[in-house]
Amino acid sequence: MKPTPATPAPIRVLIVDDSEVVRMGLRALLGADRTLTVIAEAHDVASGVKSAGKHHPDVVLLDIRLPDGTGFDACRQIMDCSPKTRVLVLTSVADEDVVDNAIRAGAHGYLLKEVHGGALVQAIHDVAAGKSILDPAITARVMSLMRSPAPATRDALALLSPQERRVLALIAEGKTNKEVGNDLNLSEKTVKNYLSTVFEKLHVTRRTQAAAFFAQGSHDRQNGRL
């Protein structure tokens, strides 16, 4: 049946995971939702990139640990051969360095495999719609590792210029430098320069740490402490 405005075409998903059991589970979960369709599966970097180049999926569900490389390698190559494809990392690795590397590789979202089925389906829709997704557990983990008293957070964030705050707010949403540049009409190089300044002012070295600072500051403002 030809799609109509009332019945839009389902989101086309490619699953890249080395576990056959995981792939079967994801196919069953996503297949039960009429708004999604799994068009292909792959078990490693090579087959994942090949499938992406052949099918040009809307969203790729990508694991980080693959037998012939990493999800970072796959993400970069998929973005090269299918630029309009959105990549959503789905992994069991909850490490801020890995998250940072995934975002730098071009991933549009990062979720842990503990995510509930409904939340995963919603995340796929959000990523396909152009949003960036970061698992709340990741943000919470980083915040717990670097938790600072409210005054320290307030003083650090107060050092940021309005434009630096805008850049940081988008980074906290999980956006890449390129996406931030598009949103703010800045070059990717300019965004990198802003981020370097933000990192220096906040005394952090990673995007996830800066995002956690912003999240803590937002939490404090909502609770009347800023």
Protein backbone atom coordinates (compact mmCIF):
# COMPACT_ATOMS: atom_id res chain seq x y z
CA MET A 1 0.00 0.00 0.00
CA LYS A 2 1.32 3.40 -0.94
CA PRO A 3 2.12 5.54 2.14
CA THR A 4 -0.16 8.53 2.76
CA PRO A 5 0.19 11.48 5.16
CA ALA A 6 -1.97 9.51 7.60
CA THR A 7 0.19 6.39 7.26
CA PRO A 8 3.82 7.51 6.82
CA ALA A 9 6.41 5.05 5.62
CA PRO A 10 7.97 3.09 8.49
CA ILE A 11 11.46 4.01 9.69
CA ARG A 12 13.96 1.70 8.02
CA VAL A 13 16.39 0.19 10.54
CA LEU A 14 19.67 -1.68 10.10
CA ILE A 15 20.88 -3.74 13.09
CA VAL A 16 24.64 -4.18 13.51
CA ASP A 17 25.54 -6.47 16.42
CA ASP A 18 27.81 -9.51 16.68
CA SER A 19 25.31 -11.43 18.83
CA GLU A 20 22.73 -13.42 16.89
CA VAL A 21 20.54 -13.58 19.99
CA VAL A 22 20.58 -9.79 20.34
CA ARG A 23 19.77 -9.33 16.65
CA MET A 24 16.86 -11.77 16.90
CA GLY A 25 15.53 -10.00 19.97
CA LEU A 26 15.76 -6.58 18.35
CA ARG A 27 14.12 -7.81 15.17
CA ALA A 28 11.22 -9.27 17.17
CA LEU A 29 10.84 -6.10 19.26
CA LEU A 30 11.00 -3.66 16.37
CA GLY A 31 8.98 -5.90 14.08
CA ALA A 32 6.05 -5.65 16.48
CA ASP A 33 5.86 -1.90 15.85
CA ARG A 34 4.24 -0.89 12.56
CA THR A 35 6.16 2.39 12.48
CA LEU A 36 9.48 0.53 12.17
CA THR A 37 10.88 -2.04 9.77
CA VAL A 38 14.17 -3.94 10.03
CA ILE A 39 15.59 -3.98 6.50
CA ALA A 40 18.85 -5.83 7.23
CA GLU A 41 21.16 -7.24 9.87
CA ALA A 42 24.95 -7.34 10.09
CA HIS A 43 27.39 -8.98 12.49
CA ASP A 44 30.57 -6.97 12.01
CA VAL A 45 32.00 -3.68 10.69
CA ALA A 46 32.48 -4.89 7.12
CA SER A 47 28.99 -6.31 6.68
CA GLY A 48 27.45 -3.35 8.49
CA VAL A 49 29.09 -0.80 6.22
CA LYS A 50 28.22 -2.87 3.15
CA SER A 51 24.56 -3.12 4.18
CA ALA A 52 24.38 0.61 4.94
CA GLY A 53 25.80 1.45 1.54
CA LYS A 54 23.35 -0.90 -0.17
CA HIS A 55 20.13 -0.10 1.73
CA HIS A 56 20.72 3.47 3.01
CA PRO A 57 18.69 2.91 6.19
CA ASP A 58 17.11 5.74 8.15
CA VAL A 59 18.65 4.54 11.41
CA VAL A 60 21.43 2.10 12.26
CA LEU A 61 21.39 0.38 15.65
CA LEU A 62 25.11 -0.14 16.24
CA ASP A 63 27.02 -2.03 18.91
CA ILE A 64 30.47 -0.78 19.94
CA ARG A 65 32.16 -4.17 20.23
CA LEU A 66 32.44 -5.91 16.88
CA PRO A 67 34.74 -8.79 15.86
CA ASP A 68 36.61 -6.98 13.07
CA GLY A 69 36.83 -3.49 14.55
CA THR A 70 34.89 -1.06 16.67
CA GLY A 71 31.57 0.70 16.39
CA PHE A 72 33.58 3.90 15.98
CA ASP A 73 35.10 2.54 12.76
CA ALA A 74 31.69 1.38 11.55
CA CYS A 75 30.05 4.71 12.40
CA ARG A 76 32.57 6.77 10.44
CA GLN A 77 32.37 4.49 7.41
CA ILE A 78 28.58 4.33 7.49
CA MET A 79 28.36 8.12 7.60
CA ASP A 80 30.73 8.29 4.63
CA CYS A 81 28.77 5.87 2.44
CA SER A 82 25.29 6.92 3.60
CA PRO A 83 25.41 10.53 4.89
CA LYS A 84 21.68 10.81 5.56
CA THR A 85 21.65 7.73 7.79
CA ARG A 86 21.39 8.36 11.54
CA VAL A 87 23.45 6.18 13.88
CA LEU A 88 22.17 5.13 17.31
CA VAL A 89 24.72 3.26 19.42
CA LEU A 90 23.15 0.46 21.45
CA THR A 91 25.69 -1.17 23.74
CA SER A 92 26.37 -2.54 27.20
CA VAL A 93 29.41 -0.26 27.67
CA ALA A 94 28.74 2.58 30.12
CA ASP A 95 32.05 4.43 29.94
CA GLU A 96 32.40 8.17 29.42
CA ASP A 97 35.47 7.79 27.19
CA VAL A 98 33.54 5.41 24.93
CA VAL A 99 30.58 7.79 24.82
CA ASP A 100 32.90 10.65 23.93
CA ASN A 101 34.55 8.63 21.15
CA ALA A 102 31.17 7.55 19.78
CA ILE A 103 29.97 11.14 19.55
CA ARG A 104 33.23 12.21 17.93
CA ALA A 105 32.78 9.40 15.40
CA GLY A 106 29.44 10.94 14.40
CA ALA A 107 26.92 8.91 16.39
CA HIS A 108 23.58 10.66 16.89
CA GLY A 109 22.65 8.78 20.04
CA TYR A 110 24.00 6.46 22.73
CA LEU A 111 21.84 3.99 24.66
CA LEU A 112 22.60 1.10 26.97
CA LYS A 113 21.12 -2.32 26.23
CA GLU A 114 19.29 -2.19 29.55
CA VAL A 115 16.89 0.31 27.96
CA HIS A 116 13.21 -0.66 27.98
CA GLY A 117 11.67 -1.67 24.65
CA GLY A 118 9.32 1.29 24.51
CA ALA A 119 12.14 3.72 25.26
CA LEU A 120 14.24 2.19 22.49
CA VAL A 121 11.44 2.54 19.97
CA GLN A 122 10.94 6.18 21.01
CA ALA A 123 14.70 6.81 20.75
CA ILE A 124 14.73 5.44 17.20
CA HIS A 125 11.90 7.80 16.29
CA ASP A 126 13.67 10.74 17.94
CA VAL A 127 16.98 10.06 16.22
CA ALA A 128 15.26 9.59 12.86
CA ALA A 129 13.54 12.96 13.41
CA GLY A 130 16.90 14.68 13.85
CA LYS A 131 17.23 14.67 17.62
CA SER A 132 20.27 13.50 19.56
CA ILE A 133 19.89 10.97 22.37
CA LEU A 134 22.08 10.26 25.40
CA ASP A 135 21.11 7.55 27.88
CA PRO A 136 20.14 9.17 31.21
CA ALA A 137 22.22 6.54 33.01
CA ILE A 138 25.34 7.85 31.26
CA THR A 139 24.71 11.42 32.37
CA ALA A 140 23.94 10.23 35.90
CA ARG A 141 27.15 8.17 35.99
CA VAL A 142 29.31 11.08 34.92
CA MET A 143 27.60 13.43 37.37
CA SER A 144 28.18 10.99 40.24
CA LEU A 145 31.88 10.80 39.37
CA MET A 146 32.36 14.55 39.26
CA ARG A 147 29.64 15.83 41.60
CA SER A 148 30.52 19.33 42.83
CA PRO A 149 28.82 21.57 45.39
CA ALA A 150 26.28 23.98 43.92
CA PRO A 151 28.46 27.09 44.46
CA ALA A 152 31.31 25.56 42.45
CA THR A 153 28.94 24.71 39.60
CA ARG A 154 27.41 28.16 39.73
CA ASP A 155 30.79 29.91 39.71
CA ALA A 156 32.10 27.80 36.83
CA LEU A 157 29.03 28.25 34.62
CA ALA A 158 29.01 31.99 35.37
CA LEU A 159 32.34 32.25 33.56
CA LEU A 160 30.76 31.18 30.25
CA SER A 161 29.66 33.71 27.68
CA PRO A 162 26.09 33.51 26.29
CA GLN A 163 27.38 31.87 23.10
CA GLU A 164 29.48 29.39 25.07
CA ARG A 165 26.37 28.48 27.08
CA ARG A 166 24.42 27.93 23.86
CA VAL A 167 27.16 25.65 22.53
CA LEU A 168 27.31 23.75 25.83
CA ALA A 169 23.51 23.35 25.93
CA LEU A 170 23.56 21.65 22.52
CA ILE A 171 26.53 19.48 23.49
CA ALA A 172 24.55 18.41 26.57
CA GLU A 173 21.81 17.20 24.19
CA GLY A 174 24.37 14.87 22.63
CA LYS A 175 24.87 16.82 19.39
CA THR A 176 28.09 16.57 17.39
CA ASN A 177 30.24 19.62 16.60
CA LYS A 178 28.82 19.67 13.09
CA GLU A 179 25.23 19.61 14.34
CA VAL A 180 25.97 22.39 16.84
CA GLY A 181 27.47 24.44 14.04
CA ASN A 182 24.40 23.93 11.88
CA ASP A 183 22.08 24.95 14.71
CA LEU A 184 24.05 28.09 15.58
CA ASN A 185 25.24 28.96 12.07
CA LEU A 186 28.87 28.44 13.03
CA SER A 187 31.69 26.56 11.34
CA GLU A 188 32.76 23.26 12.86
CA LYS A 189 36.16 24.79 13.63
CA THR A 190 34.52 27.67 15.51
CA VAL A 191 32.49 25.21 17.57
CA LYS A 192 35.70 23.35 18.46
CA ASN A 193 37.26 26.63 19.57
CA TYR A 194 34.26 27.43 21.76
CA LEU A 195 34.41 23.94 23.27
CA SER A 196 38.11 24.29 24.06
CA THR A 197 37.34 27.50 25.96
CA VAL A 198 34.40 25.88 27.75
CA PHE A 199 36.54 22.90 28.79
CA GLU A 200 39.21 25.25 30.12
CA LYS A 201 36.75 27.36 32.10
CA LEU A 202 34.99 24.33 33.59
CA HIS A 203 38.27 22.47 34.21
CA VAL A 204 37.10 19.38 32.33
CA THR A 205 38.59 17.39 29.47
CA ARG A 206 35.60 15.52 28.02
CA ARG A 207 32.27 16.39 26.44
CA THR A 208 30.41 14.15 28.86
CA GLN A 209 31.92 15.98 31.84
CA ALA A 210 30.93 19.36 30.38
CA ALA A 211 27.43 18.04 29.67
CA ALA A 212 27.16 16.84 33.28
CA PHE A 213 28.19 20.30 34.51
CA PHE A 214 25.43 21.84 32.40
CA ALA A 215 22.89 19.28 33.62
CA GLN A 216 23.83 19.97 37.24
CA GLY A 217 23.53 23.72 36.65
CA SER A 218 20.08 23.27 35.08
CA HIS A 219 19.02 21.11 38.02
CA ASP A 220 20.20 23.78 40.47
CA ARG A 221 18.32 26.54 38.63
CA GLN A 222 15.12 24.49 38.67
CA ASN A 223 15.50 24.03 42.41
CA GLY A 224 16.18 27.71 43.08
CA ARG A 225 19.86 27.37 43.91
CA LEU A 226 21.09 29.45 40.96
